[in-house]
Amino acid sequence: MQGRLIVSVQAQPHEPLHGASHMAVMAKAVAEGGAAAIRCESPDDIRAIK
């Protein structure tokens, strides 16, 4: 992974984009944009992104 982009896709409960469905869409966008890996926060987010 050295030299490749890892993107953190996370939102806190008080933020407008909090929720697994939003995280899945953002993860798809960063993957399509060339991210080598995605870092996310909760088990629900992981399930939605997979």
Foldseek 3Di string as FASTA:
>chain_A
DPPFAEEEQEDDPVDPQDDLQSSLVVLVVVVVVGHPYYHYDDPSNVVSND
